[in-house]
Amino acid sequence: MIEEEWEPTEADLREPSTPEGNQSLVDLNRLCNYPFYSVMLDWNGDVMLCVQDWNKKVKMGNIASDSLFDVWRSSGLRKHRNVLKKGKRVLLPCSECNTNGILHGGNHVKRWMDYNI
């Protein structure tokens, strides 16, 4: 039964919207809100900085040994947030990311800056 639920449909196999190699250039001077309102939790408990980190380059912790709250407030996430709120994508994986990271989460950035966390 589980196999049937997870069997890919034709829609799952469609071409990506931007073919590999044709992505826009990375603008290193661009804000990104992702780490202010989300992280990515992998199947094995690893907590990644961002859902856009497809290659899992930056691991912030693992919920098997760290609480999600502790990871969320960790020095690693703070470091990335402090750089990104200045509009700098100089740390991995952000330095290789061309995602428009300001579509959502602006209110979260403001709250983090208000509390200087």
PDB file of N, CA and C in Angstrom:
ATOM      1  N   MET A   1       0.811  -1.185   0.000  1.00  0.00           N
ATOM      2  CA  MET A   1       0.000   0.000   0.000  1.00  0.00           C
ATOM      3  C   MET A   1       0.860   1.258   0.000  1.00  0.00           C
ATOM      4  N   ILE A   2       1.915   1.270   0.789  1.00  0.00           N
ATOM      5  CA  ILE A   2       2.782   2.450   0.821  1.00  0.00           C
ATOM      6  C   ILE A   2       3.432   2.661  -0.535  1.00  0.00           C
ATOM      7  N   GLU A   3       3.867   1.580  -1.185  1.00  0.00           N
ATOM      8  CA  GLU A   3       4.471   1.715  -2.502  1.00  0.00           C
ATOM      9  C   GLU A   3       3.536   2.417  -3.462  1.00  0.00           C
ATOM     10  N   GLU A   4       2.259   2.049  -3.435  1.00  0.00           N
ATOM     11  CA  GLU A   4       1.296   2.667  -4.334  1.00  0.00           C
ATOM     12  C   GLU A   4       1.158   4.159  -4.053  1.00  0.00           C
ATOM     13  N   GLU A   5       1.198   4.528  -2.781  1.00  0.00           N
ATOM     14  CA  GLU A   5       1.082   5.939  -2.431  1.00  0.00           C
ATOM     15  C   GLU A   5       2.290   6.739  -2.885  1.00  0.00           C
ATOM     16  N   TRP A   6       3.449   6.117  -2.941  1.00  0.00           N
ATOM     17  CA  TRP A   6       4.673   6.838  -3.271  1.00  0.00           C
ATOM     18  C   TRP A   6       5.145   6.615  -4.707  1.00  0.00           C
ATOM     19  N   GLU A   7       4.405   5.853  -5.454  1.00  0.00           N
ATOM     20  CA  GLU A   7       4.787   5.631  -6.840  1.00  0.00           C
ATOM     21  C   GLU A   7       4.668   6.953  -7.603  1.00  0.00           C
ATOM     22  N   PRO A   8       5.720   7.350  -8.331  1.00  0.00           N
ATOM     23  CA  PRO A   8       5.677   8.646  -9.009  1.00  0.00           C
ATOM     24  C   PRO A   8       4.610   8.678 -10.103  1.00  0.00           C
ATOM     25  N   THR A   9       4.014   9.838 -10.233  1.00  0.00           N
ATOM     26  CA  THR A   9       3.038  10.052 -11.299  1.00  0.00           C
ATOM     27  C   THR A   9       3.746  10.720 -12.467  1.00  0.00           C
ATOM     28  N   GLU A  10       3.070  10.856 -13.570  1.00  0.00           N
ATOM     29  CA  GLU A  10       3.664  11.527 -14.728  1.00  0.00           C
ATOM     30  C   GLU A  10       4.050  12.966 -14.382  1.00  0.00           C
ATOM     31  N   ALA A  11       3.243  13.621 -13.552  1.00  0.00           N
ATOM     32  CA  ALA A  11       3.540  14.998 -13.144  1.00  0.00           C
ATOM     33  C   ALA A  11       4.838  15.076 -12.344  1.00  0.00           C
ATOM     34  N   ASP A  12       5.150  14.023 -11.569  1.00  0.00           N
ATOM     35  CA  ASP A  12       6.380  14.007 -10.784  1.00  0.00           C
ATOM     36  C   ASP A  12       7.621  13.896 -11.664  1.00  0.00           C
ATOM     37  N   LEU A  13       7.452  13.388 -12.863  1.00  0.00           N
ATOM     38  CA  LEU A  13       8.586  13.129 -13.749  1.00  0.00           C
ATOM     39  C   LEU A  13       8.769  14.210 -14.812  1.00  0.00           C
ATOM     40  N   ARG A  14       8.038  15.304 -14.691  1.00  0.00           N
ATOM     41  CA  ARG A  14       8.130  16.364 -15.703  1.00  0.00           C
ATOM     42  C   ARG A  14       9.505  17.029 -15.672  1.00  0.00           C
ATOM     43  N   GLU A  15       9.808  17.732 -16.729  1.00  0.00           N
ATOM     44  CA  GLU A  15      11.083  18.440 -16.829  1.00  0.00           C
ATOM     45  C   GLU A  15      11.151  19.552 -15.785  1.00  0.00           C
ATOM     46  N   PRO A  16      12.328  19.819 -15.236  1.00  0.00           N
ATOM     47  CA  PRO A  16      12.441  20.935 -14.294  1.00  0.00           C
ATOM     48  C   PRO A  16      12.152  22.254 -15.015  1.00  0.00           C
ATOM     49  N   SER A  17      11.682  23.240 -14.276  1.00  0.00           N
ATOM     50  CA  SER A  17      11.325  24.513 -14.895  1.00  0.00           C
ATOM     51  C   SER A  17      12.543  25.254 -15.443  1.00  0.00           C
ATOM     52  N   THR A  18      13.698  25.078 -14.827  1.00  0.00           N
ATOM     53  CA  THR A  18      14.931  25.683 -15.313  1.00  0.00           C
ATOM     54  C   THR A  18      15.942  24.563 -15.518  1.00  0.00           C
ATOM     55  N   PRO A  19      16.238  24.231 -16.773  1.00  0.00           N
ATOM     56  CA  PRO A  19      17.187  23.139 -17.020  1.00  0.00           C
ATOM     57  C   PRO A  19      18.536  23.400 -16.358  1.00  0.00           C
ATOM     58  N   GLU A  20      19.156  22.338 -15.873  1.00  0.00           N
ATOM     59  CA  GLU A  20      20.452  22.455 -15.217  1.00  0.00           C
ATOM     60  C   GLU A  20      21.439  23.149 -16.138  1.00  0.00           C
ATOM     61  N   GLY A  21      22.187  24.072 -15.580  1.00  0.00           N
ATOM     62  CA  GLY A  21      23.176  24.809 -16.345  1.00  0.00           C
ATOM     63  C   GLY A  21      22.641  26.107 -16.917  1.00  0.00           C
ATOM     64  N   ASN A  22      21.326  26.308 -16.870  1.00  0.00           N
ATOM     65  CA  ASN A  22      20.735  27.534 -17.404  1.00  0.00           C
ATOM     66  C   ASN A  22      20.201  28.446 -16.310  1.00  0.00           C
ATOM     67  N   GLN A  23      20.587  28.217 -15.074  1.00  0.00           N
ATOM     68  CA  GLN A  23      20.121  29.052 -13.984  1.00  0.00           C
ATOM     69  C   GLN A  23      20.759  30.432 -14.066  1.00  0.00           C
ATOM     70  N   SER A  24      20.073  31.401 -13.483  1.00  0.00           N
ATOM     71  CA  SER A  24      20.631  32.744 -13.457  1.00  0.00           C
ATOM     72  C   SER A  24      21.877  32.761 -12.574  1.00  0.00           C
ATOM     73  N   LEU A  25      22.721  33.766 -12.796  1.00  0.00           N
ATOM     74  CA  LEU A  25      23.935  33.900 -11.999  1.00  0.00           C
ATOM     75  C   LEU A  25      23.584  34.210 -10.553  1.00  0.00           C
ATOM     76  N   VAL A  26      24.467  33.853  -9.659  1.00  0.00           N
ATOM     77  CA  VAL A  26      24.263  34.103  -8.240  1.00  0.00           C
ATOM     78  C   VAL A  26      24.632  35.547  -7.941  1.00  0.00           C
ATOM     79  N   ASP A  27      23.706  36.275  -7.337  1.00  0.00           N
ATOM     80  CA  ASP A  27      23.962  37.644  -6.891  1.00  0.00           C
ATOM     81  C   ASP A  27      24.356  37.564  -5.421  1.00  0.00           C
ATOM     82  N   LEU A  28      25.620  37.785  -5.124  1.00  0.00           N
ATOM     83  CA  LEU A  28      26.124  37.652  -3.762  1.00  0.00           C
ATOM     84  C   LEU A  28      25.668  38.780  -2.852  1.00  0.00           C
ATOM     85  N   ASN A  29      25.059  39.814  -3.424  1.00  0.00           N
ATOM     86  CA  ASN A  29      24.556  40.946  -2.648  1.00  0.00           C
ATOM     87  C   ASN A  29      23.039  40.959  -2.699  1.00  0.00           C
ATOM     88  N   ARG A  30      22.457  39.895  -2.164  1.00  0.00           N
ATOM     89  CA  ARG A  30      21.007  39.744  -2.230  1.00  0.00           C
ATOM     90  C   ARG A  30      20.487  39.164  -0.927  1.00  0.00           C
ATOM     91  N   LEU A  31      19.468  39.783  -0.385  1.00  0.00           N
ATOM     92  CA  LEU A  31      18.855  39.298   0.847  1.00  0.00           C
ATOM     93  C   LEU A  31      18.267  37.904   0.662  1.00  0.00           C
ATOM     94  N   CYS A  32      18.153  37.178   1.754  1.00  0.00           N
ATOM     95  CA  CYS A  32      17.458  35.896   1.752  1.00  0.00           C
ATOM     96  C   CYS A  32      16.827  35.697   3.124  1.00  0.00           C
ATOM     97  N   ASN A  33      15.545  35.360   3.112  1.00  0.00           N
ATOM     98  CA  ASN A  33      14.803  35.201   4.356  1.00  0.00           C
ATOM     99  C   ASN A  33      14.659  33.755   4.821  1.00  0.00           C
ATOM    100  N   TYR A  34      15.024  32.800   4.003  1.00  0.00           N
ATOM    101  CA  TYR A  34      14.774  31.392   4.345  1.00  0.00           C
ATOM    102  C   TYR A  34      15.210  31.014   5.766  1.00  0.00           C
ATOM    103  N   PRO A  35      16.454  31.277   6.185  1.00  0.00           N
ATOM    104  CA  PRO A  35      16.876  30.816   7.513  1.00  0.00           C
ATOM    105  C   PRO A  35      16.210  31.548   8.679  1.00  0.00           C
ATOM    106  N   PHE A  36      15.401  32.544   8.383  1.00  0.00           N
ATOM    107  CA  PHE A  36      14.693  33.273   9.428  1.00  0.00           C
ATOM    108  C   PHE A  36      13.341  32.639   9.752  1.00  0.00           C
ATOM    109  N   TYR A  37      12.857  31.772   8.857  1.00  0.00           N
ATOM    110  CA  TYR A  37      11.547  31.168   9.121  1.00  0.00           C
ATOM    111  C   TYR A  37      11.483  29.669   8.841  1.00  0.00           C
ATOM    112  N   SER A  38      12.567  29.060   8.372  1.00  0.00           N
ATOM    113  CA  SER A  38      12.503  27.627   8.104  1.00  0.00           C
ATOM    114  C   SER A  38      13.896  26.998   8.127  1.00  0.00           C
ATOM    115  N   VAL A  39      13.903  25.698   8.307  1.00  0.00           N
ATOM    116  CA  VAL A  39      15.083  24.859   8.114  1.00  0.00           C
ATOM    117  C   VAL A  39      14.585  23.624   7.387  1.00  0.00           C
ATOM    118  N   MET A  40      15.492  22.765   6.986  1.00  0.00           N
ATOM    119  CA  MET A  40      15.093  21.533   6.314  1.00  0.00           C
ATOM    120  C   MET A  40      15.510  20.363   7.192  1.00  0.00           C
ATOM    121  N   LEU A  41      14.546  19.504   7.476  1.00  0.00           N
ATOM    122  CA  LEU A  41      14.807  18.321   8.283  1.00  0.00           C
ATOM    123  C   LEU A  41      14.898  17.121   7.356  1.00  0.00           C
ATOM    124  N   ASP A  42      16.061  16.459   7.337  1.00  0.00           N
ATOM    125  CA  ASP A  42      16.280  15.312   6.469  1.00  0.00           C
ATOM    126  C   ASP A  42      15.748  14.044   7.137  1.00  0.00           C
ATOM    127  N   TRP A  43      15.646  12.989   6.377  1.00  0.00           N
ATOM    128  CA  TRP A  43      15.066  11.724   6.839  1.00  0.00           C
ATOM    129  C   TRP A  43      15.790  11.143   8.044  1.00  0.00           C
ATOM    130  N   ASN A  44      17.099  11.428   8.150  1.00  0.00           N
ATOM    131  CA  ASN A  44      17.900  10.837   9.229  1.00  0.00           C
ATOM    132  C   ASN A  44      18.027  11.749  10.444  1.00  0.00           C
ATOM    133  N   GLY A  45      17.298  12.843  10.440  1.00  0.00           N
ATOM    134  CA  GLY A  45      17.331  13.767  11.566  1.00  0.00           C
ATOM    135  C   GLY A  45      18.251  14.948  11.380  1.00  0.00           C
ATOM    136  N   ASP A  46      19.058  14.948  10.315  1.00  0.00           N
ATOM    137  CA  ASP A  46      19.929  16.092  10.061  1.00  0.00           C
ATOM    138  C   ASP A  46      19.090  17.336   9.790  1.00  0.00           C
ATOM    139  N   VAL A  47      19.519  18.437  10.381  1.00  0.00           N
ATOM    140  CA  VAL A  47      18.856  19.714  10.171  1.00  0.00           C
ATOM    141  C   VAL A  47      19.756  20.545   9.262  1.00  0.00           C
ATOM    142  N   MET A  48      19.239  20.856   8.077  1.00  0.00           N
ATOM    143  CA  MET A  48      19.989  21.640   7.104  1.00  0.00           C
ATOM    144  C   MET A  48      19.585  23.105   7.210  1.00  0.00           C
ATOM    145  N   LEU A  49      20.478  23.961   6.834  1.00  0.00           N
ATOM    146  CA  LEU A  49      20.241  25.404   6.875  1.00  0.00           C
ATOM    147  C   LEU A  49      19.001  25.805   6.095  1.00  0.00           C
ATOM    148  N   CYS A  50      18.793  25.160   4.942  1.00  0.00           N
ATOM    149  CA  CYS A  50      17.793  25.690   4.027  1.00  0.00           C
ATOM    150  C   CYS A  50      17.249  24.599   3.104  1.00  0.00           C
ATOM    151  N   VAL A  51      15.989  24.749   2.720  1.00  0.00           N
ATOM    152  CA  VAL A  51      15.390  23.796   1.782  1.00  0.00           C
ATOM    153  C   VAL A  51      16.028  23.882   0.403  1.00  0.00           C
ATOM    154  N   GLN A  52      16.702  24.962   0.109  1.00  0.00           N
ATOM    155  CA  GLN A  52      17.367  25.121  -1.183  1.00  0.00           C
ATOM    156  C   GLN A  52      18.749  24.468  -1.221  1.00  0.00           C
ATOM    157  N   ASP A  53      19.206  23.948  -0.102  1.00  0.00           N
ATOM    158  CA  ASP A  53      20.512  23.283  -0.033  1.00  0.00           C
ATOM    159  C   ASP A  53      20.355  21.832  -0.486  1.00  0.00           C
ATOM    160  N   TRP A  54      20.120  21.649  -1.774  1.00  0.00           N
ATOM    161  CA  TRP A  54      19.845  20.325  -2.345  1.00  0.00           C
ATOM    162  C   TRP A  54      20.974  19.336  -2.117  1.00  0.00           C
ATOM    163  N   ASN A  55      22.204  19.823  -2.091  1.00  0.00           N
ATOM    164  CA  ASN A  55      23.353  18.934  -1.919  1.00  0.00           C
ATOM    165  C   ASN A  55      23.733  18.747  -0.456  1.00  0.00           C
ATOM    166  N   LYS A  56      22.947  19.301   0.415  1.00  0.00           N
ATOM    167  CA  LYS A  56      23.145  19.149   1.863  1.00  0.00           C
ATOM    168  C   LYS A  56      24.555  19.548   2.286  1.00  0.00           C
ATOM    169  N   LYS A  57      24.961  20.731   1.870  1.00  0.00           N
ATOM    170  CA  LYS A  57      26.311  21.206   2.155  1.00  0.00           C
ATOM    171  C   LYS A  57      26.477  21.715   3.583  1.00  0.00           C
ATOM    172  N   VAL A  58      25.393  22.235   4.167  1.00  0.00           N
ATOM    173  CA  VAL A  58      25.514  22.838   5.491  1.00  0.00           C
ATOM    174  C   VAL A  58      24.531  22.183   6.458  1.00  0.00           C
ATOM    175  N   LYS A  59      25.077  21.413   7.376  1.00  0.00           N
ATOM    176  CA  LYS A  59      24.287  20.741   8.402  1.00  0.00           C
ATOM    177  C   LYS A  59      24.405  21.547   9.690  1.00  0.00           C
ATOM    178  N   MET A  60      23.252  21.882  10.269  1.00  0.00           N
ATOM    179  CA  MET A  60      23.225  22.686  11.491  1.00  0.00           C
ATOM    180  C   MET A  60      23.179  21.841  12.752  1.00  0.00           C
ATOM    181  N   GLY A  61      22.770  20.589  12.613  1.00  0.00           N
ATOM    182  CA  GLY A  61      22.655  19.702  13.766  1.00  0.00           C
ATOM    183  C   GLY A  61      21.865  18.464  13.391  1.00  0.00           C
ATOM    184  N   ASN A  62      21.504  17.695  14.388  1.00  0.00           N
ATOM    185  CA  ASN A  62      20.706  16.491  14.178  1.00  0.00           C
ATOM    186  C   ASN A  62      19.760  16.347  15.367  1.00  0.00           C
ATOM    187  N   ILE A  63      18.482  16.153  15.079  1.00  0.00           N
ATOM    188  CA  ILE A  63      17.505  16.117  16.168  1.00  0.00           C
ATOM    189  C   ILE A  63      17.603  14.854  17.021  1.00  0.00           C
ATOM    190  N   ALA A  64      18.441  13.903  16.617  1.00  0.00           N
ATOM    191  CA  ALA A  64      18.679  12.741  17.469  1.00  0.00           C
ATOM    192  C   ALA A  64      19.550  13.125  18.671  1.00  0.00           C
ATOM    193  N   SER A  65      20.368  14.164  18.496  1.00  0.00           N
ATOM    194  CA  SER A  65      21.255  14.576  19.585  1.00  0.00           C
ATOM    195  C   SER A  65      21.017  16.006  20.054  1.00  0.00           C
ATOM    196  N   ASP A  66      20.328  16.806  19.265  1.00  0.00           N
ATOM    197  CA  ASP A  66      20.061  18.204  19.605  1.00  0.00           C
ATOM    198  C   ASP A  66      18.560  18.462  19.493  1.00  0.00           C
ATOM    199  N   SER A  67      18.046  19.305  20.345  1.00  0.00           N
ATOM    200  CA  SER A  67      16.639  19.663  20.182  1.00  0.00           C
ATOM    201  C   SER A  67      16.519  20.615  18.996  1.00  0.00           C
ATOM    202  N   LEU A  68      15.393  20.587  18.344  1.00  0.00           N
ATOM    203  CA  LEU A  68      15.171  21.490  17.216  1.00  0.00           C
ATOM    204  C   LEU A  68      15.274  22.942  17.683  1.00  0.00           C
ATOM    205  N   PHE A  69      14.799  23.221  18.885  1.00  0.00           N
ATOM    206  CA  PHE A  69      14.899  24.568  19.440  1.00  0.00           C
ATOM    207  C   PHE A  69      16.362  24.996  19.565  1.00  0.00           C
ATOM    208  N   ASP A  70      17.209  24.095  20.078  1.00  0.00           N
ATOM    209  CA  ASP A  70      18.637  24.417  20.217  1.00  0.00           C
ATOM    210  C   ASP A  70      19.291  24.644  18.855  1.00  0.00           C
ATOM    211  N   VAL A  71      18.935  23.838  17.870  1.00  0.00           N
ATOM    212  CA  VAL A  71      19.481  24.028  16.529  1.00  0.00           C
ATOM    213  C   VAL A  71      19.009  25.368  15.972  1.00  0.00           C
ATOM    214  N   TRP A  72      17.728  25.680  16.164  1.00  0.00           N
ATOM    215  CA  TRP A  72      17.150  26.923  15.640  1.00  0.00           C
ATOM    216  C   TRP A  72      17.869  28.154  16.191  1.00  0.00           C
ATOM    217  N   ARG A  73      18.313  28.061  17.427  1.00  0.00           N
ATOM    218  CA  ARG A  73      18.992  29.196  18.068  1.00  0.00           C
ATOM    219  C   ARG A  73      20.516  29.015  18.110  1.00  0.00           C
ATOM    220  N   SER A  74      21.034  28.088  17.330  1.00  0.00           N
ATOM    221  CA  SER A  74      22.470  27.767  17.357  1.00  0.00           C
ATOM    222  C   SER A  74      23.321  28.890  16.776  1.00  0.00           C
ATOM    223  N   SER A  75      24.599  28.854  17.119  1.00  0.00           N
ATOM    224  CA  SER A  75      25.534  29.864  16.607  1.00  0.00           C
ATOM    225  C   SER A  75      25.674  29.764  15.088  1.00  0.00           C
ATOM    226  N   GLY A  76      25.583  28.559  14.543  1.00  0.00           N
ATOM    227  CA  GLY A  76      25.682  28.402  13.091  1.00  0.00           C
ATOM    228  C   GLY A  76      24.554  29.092  12.350  1.00  0.00           C
ATOM    229  N   LEU A  77      23.333  28.901  12.830  1.00  0.00           N
ATOM    230  CA  LEU A  77      22.195  29.574  12.194  1.00  0.00           C
ATOM    231  C   LEU A  77      22.262  31.079  12.421  1.00  0.00           C
ATOM    232  N   ARG A  78      22.677  31.498  13.589  1.00  0.00           N
ATOM    233  CA  ARG A  78      22.816  32.941  13.857  1.00  0.00           C
ATOM    234  C   ARG A  78      23.836  33.572  12.919  1.00  0.00           C
ATOM    235  N   LYS A  79      24.940  32.870  12.699  1.00  0.00           N
ATOM    236  CA  LYS A  79      25.986  33.381  11.809  1.00  0.00           C
ATOM    237  C   LYS A  79      25.420  33.604  10.410  1.00  0.00           C
ATOM    238  N   HIS A  80      24.696  32.620   9.893  1.00  0.00           N
ATOM    239  CA  HIS A  80      24.108  32.754   8.561  1.00  0.00           C
ATOM    240  C   HIS A  80      23.068  33.872   8.531  1.00  0.00           C
ATOM    241  N   ARG A  81      22.228  33.943   9.560  1.00  0.00           N
ATOM    242  CA  ARG A  81      21.213  34.996   9.598  1.00  0.00           C
ATOM    243  C   ARG A  81      21.846  36.380   9.638  1.00  0.00           C
ATOM    244  N   ASN A  82      22.886  36.542  10.446  1.00  0.00           N
ATOM    245  CA  ASN A  82      23.526  37.845  10.559  1.00  0.00           C
ATOM    246  C   ASN A  82      24.137  38.309   9.240  1.00  0.00           C
ATOM    247  N   VAL A  83      24.672  37.386   8.479  1.00  0.00           N
ATOM    248  CA  VAL A  83      25.250  37.723   7.181  1.00  0.00           C
ATOM    249  C   VAL A  83      24.136  38.006   6.163  1.00  0.00           C
ATOM    250  N   LEU A  84      23.118  37.160   6.156  1.00  0.00           N
ATOM    251  CA  LEU A  84      22.046  37.305   5.170  1.00  0.00           C
ATOM    252  C   LEU A  84      21.200  38.548   5.388  1.00  0.00           C
ATOM    253  N   LYS A  85      20.996  38.957   6.631  1.00  0.00           N
ATOM    254  CA  LYS A  85      20.189  40.155   6.868  1.00  0.00           C
ATOM    255  C   LYS A  85      20.889  41.413   6.358  1.00  0.00           C
ATOM    256  N   LYS A  86      22.199  41.323   6.116  1.00  0.00           N
ATOM    257  CA  LYS A  86      22.953  42.429   5.525  1.00  0.00           C
ATOM    258  C   LYS A  86      22.974  42.344   4.004  1.00  0.00           C
ATOM    259  N   GLY A  87      22.293  41.331   3.464  1.00  0.00           N
ATOM    260  CA  GLY A  87      22.241  41.174   2.020  1.00  0.00           C
ATOM    261  C   GLY A  87      23.502  40.577   1.430  1.00  0.00           C
ATOM    262  N   LYS A  88      24.191  39.762   2.191  1.00  0.00           N
ATOM    263  CA  LYS A  88      25.436  39.143   1.727  1.00  0.00           C
ATOM    264  C   LYS A  88      25.271  37.627   1.666  1.00  0.00           C
ATOM    265  N   ARG A  89      25.524  37.074   0.516  1.00  0.00           N
ATOM    266  CA  ARG A  89      25.493  35.617   0.341  1.00  0.00           C
ATOM    267  C   ARG A  89      26.923  35.112   0.181  1.00  0.00           C
ATOM    268  N   VAL A  90      27.678  35.184   1.241  1.00  0.00           N
ATOM    269  CA  VAL A  90      29.097  34.842   1.171  1.00  0.00           C
ATOM    270  C   VAL A  90      29.426  33.492   1.802  1.00  0.00           C
ATOM    271  N   LEU A  91      28.496  32.908   2.566  1.00  0.00           N
ATOM    272  CA  LEU A  91      28.728  31.610   3.190  1.00  0.00           C
ATOM    273  C   LEU A  91      28.029  30.521   2.385  1.00  0.00           C
ATOM    274  N   LEU A  92      28.607  29.314   2.403  1.00  0.00           N
ATOM    275  CA  LEU A  92      27.944  28.186   1.754  1.00  0.00           C
ATOM    276  C   LEU A  92      26.692  27.803   2.533  1.00  0.00           C
ATOM    277  N   PRO A  93      25.676  27.361   1.905  1.00  0.00           N
ATOM    278  CA  PRO A  93      25.462  27.171   0.477  1.00  0.00           C
ATOM    279  C   PRO A  93      24.957  28.432  -0.222  1.00  0.00           C
ATOM    280  N   CYS A  94      24.765  29.499   0.550  1.00  0.00           N
ATOM    281  CA  CYS A  94      24.171  30.729   0.008  1.00  0.00           C
ATOM    282  C   CYS A  94      24.999  31.335  -1.119  1.00  0.00           C
ATOM    283  N   SER A  95      26.302  31.197  -1.044  1.00  0.00           N
ATOM    284  CA  SER A  95      27.177  31.784  -2.054  1.00  0.00           C
ATOM    285  C   SER A  95      27.032  31.106  -3.416  1.00  0.00           C
ATOM    286  N   GLU A  96      26.348  29.974  -3.448  1.00  0.00           N
ATOM    287  CA  GLU A  96      26.114  29.275  -4.717  1.00  0.00           C
ATOM    288  C   GLU A  96      24.624  29.202  -5.061  1.00  0.00           C
ATOM    289  N   CYS A  97      23.808  30.000  -4.375  1.00  0.00           N
ATOM    290  CA  CYS A  97      22.356  29.910  -4.523  1.00  0.00           C
ATOM    291  C   CYS A  97      21.797  31.126  -5.254  1.00  0.00           C
ATOM    292  N   ASN A  98      20.973  30.863  -6.260  1.00  0.00           N
ATOM    293  CA  ASN A  98      20.363  31.958  -7.009  1.00  0.00           C
ATOM    294  C   ASN A  98      18.869  32.090  -6.726  1.00  0.00           C
ATOM    295  N   THR A  99      18.394  31.455  -5.678  1.00  0.00           N
ATOM    296  CA  THR A  99      16.983  31.521  -5.316  1.00  0.00           C
ATOM    297  C   THR A  99      16.596  32.925  -4.877  1.00  0.00           C
ATOM    298  N   ASN A 100      15.389  33.330  -5.263  1.00  0.00           N
ATOM    299  CA  ASN A 100      14.857  34.587  -4.769  1.00  0.00           C
ATOM    300  C   ASN A 100      14.360  34.328  -3.357  1.00  0.00           C
ATOM    301  N   GLY A 101      15.155  34.633  -2.382  1.00  0.00           N
ATOM    302  CA  GLY A 101      14.840  34.304  -1.005  1.00  0.00           C
ATOM    303  C   GLY A 101      14.033  35.339  -0.261  1.00  0.00           C
ATOM    304  N   ILE A 102      13.426  36.283  -0.978  1.00  0.00           N
ATOM    305  CA  ILE A 102      12.671  37.325  -0.280  1.00  0.00           C
ATOM    306  C   ILE A 102      11.181  37.296  -0.596  1.00  0.00           C
ATOM    307  N   LEU A 103      10.716  36.238  -1.232  1.00  0.00           N
ATOM    308  CA  LEU A 103       9.293  36.149  -1.544  1.00  0.00           C
ATOM    309  C   LEU A 103       8.450  36.022  -0.276  1.00  0.00           C
ATOM    310  N   HIS A 104       8.977  35.375   0.743  1.00  0.00           N
ATOM    311  CA  HIS A 104       8.272  35.163   2.005  1.00  0.00           C
ATOM    312  C   HIS A 104       9.232  35.444   3.149  1.00  0.00           C
ATOM    313  N   GLY A 105       8.681  35.646   4.320  1.00  0.00           N
ATOM    314  CA  GLY A 105       9.491  35.690   5.529  1.00  0.00           C
ATOM    315  C   GLY A 105      10.018  37.037   5.955  1.00  0.00           C
ATOM    316  N   GLY A 106       9.673  38.091   5.256  1.00  0.00           N
ATOM    317  CA  GLY A 106      10.167  39.419   5.634  1.00  0.00           C
ATOM    318  C   GLY A 106       9.799  39.802   7.065  1.00  0.00           C
ATOM    319  N   ASN A 107       8.591  39.420   7.492  1.00  0.00           N
ATOM    320  CA  ASN A 107       8.177  39.722   8.865  1.00  0.00           C
ATOM    321  C   ASN A 107       9.038  38.976   9.877  1.00  0.00           C
ATOM    322  N   HIS A 108       9.514  37.789   9.531  1.00  0.00           N
ATOM    323  CA  HIS A 108      10.381  37.021  10.427  1.00  0.00           C
ATOM    324  C   HIS A 108      11.747  37.689  10.566  1.00  0.00           C
ATOM    325  N   VAL A 109      12.270  38.209   9.475  1.00  0.00           N
ATOM    326  CA  VAL A 109      13.555  38.913   9.528  1.00  0.00           C
ATOM    327  C   VAL A 109      13.437  40.111  10.461  1.00  0.00           C
ATOM    328  N   LYS A 110      12.358  40.857  10.312  1.00  0.00           N
ATOM    329  CA  LYS A 110      12.159  42.034  11.165  1.00  0.00           C
ATOM    330  C   LYS A 110      12.102  41.641  12.640  1.00  0.00           C
ATOM    331  N   ARG A 111      11.407  40.565  12.953  1.00  0.00           N
ATOM    332  CA  ARG A 111      11.321  40.131  14.357  1.00  0.00           C
ATOM    333  C   ARG A 111      12.694  39.732  14.895  1.00  0.00           C
ATOM    334  N   TRP A 112      13.487  39.016  14.086  1.00  0.00           N
ATOM    335  CA  TRP A 112      14.832  38.625  14.531  1.00  0.00           C
ATOM    336  C   TRP A 112      15.683  39.864  14.769  1.00  0.00           C
ATOM    337  N   MET A 113      15.557  40.851  13.888  1.00  0.00           N
ATOM    338  CA  MET A 113      16.346  42.069  14.045  1.00  0.00           C
ATOM    339  C   MET A 113      15.874  42.877  15.259  1.00  0.00           C
ATOM    340  N   ASP A 114      14.562  42.900  15.525  1.00  0.00           N
ATOM    341  CA  ASP A 114      14.034  43.602  16.693  1.00  0.00           C
ATOM    342  C   ASP A 114      14.593  43.032  17.988  1.00  0.00           C
ATOM    343  N   TYR A 115      14.743  41.702  18.018  1.00  0.00           N
ATOM    344  CA  TYR A 115      15.242  41.055  19.223  1.00  0.00           C
ATOM    345  C   TYR A 115      16.748  40.867  19.202  1.00  0.00           C
ATOM    346  N   ASN A 116      17.375  41.246  18.083  1.00  0.00           N
ATOM    347  CA  ASN A 116      18.828  41.148  17.936  1.00  0.00           C
ATOM    348  C   ASN A 116      19.350  39.775  18.314  1.00  0.00           C
ATOM    349  N   ILE A 117      18.673  38.762  17.791  1.00  0.00           N
ATOM    350  CA  ILE A 117      19.056  37.363  18.086  1.00  0.00           C
ATOM    351  C   ILE A 117      19.947  36.845  16.994  1.00  0.00           C
TER     352      ILE A 117
END
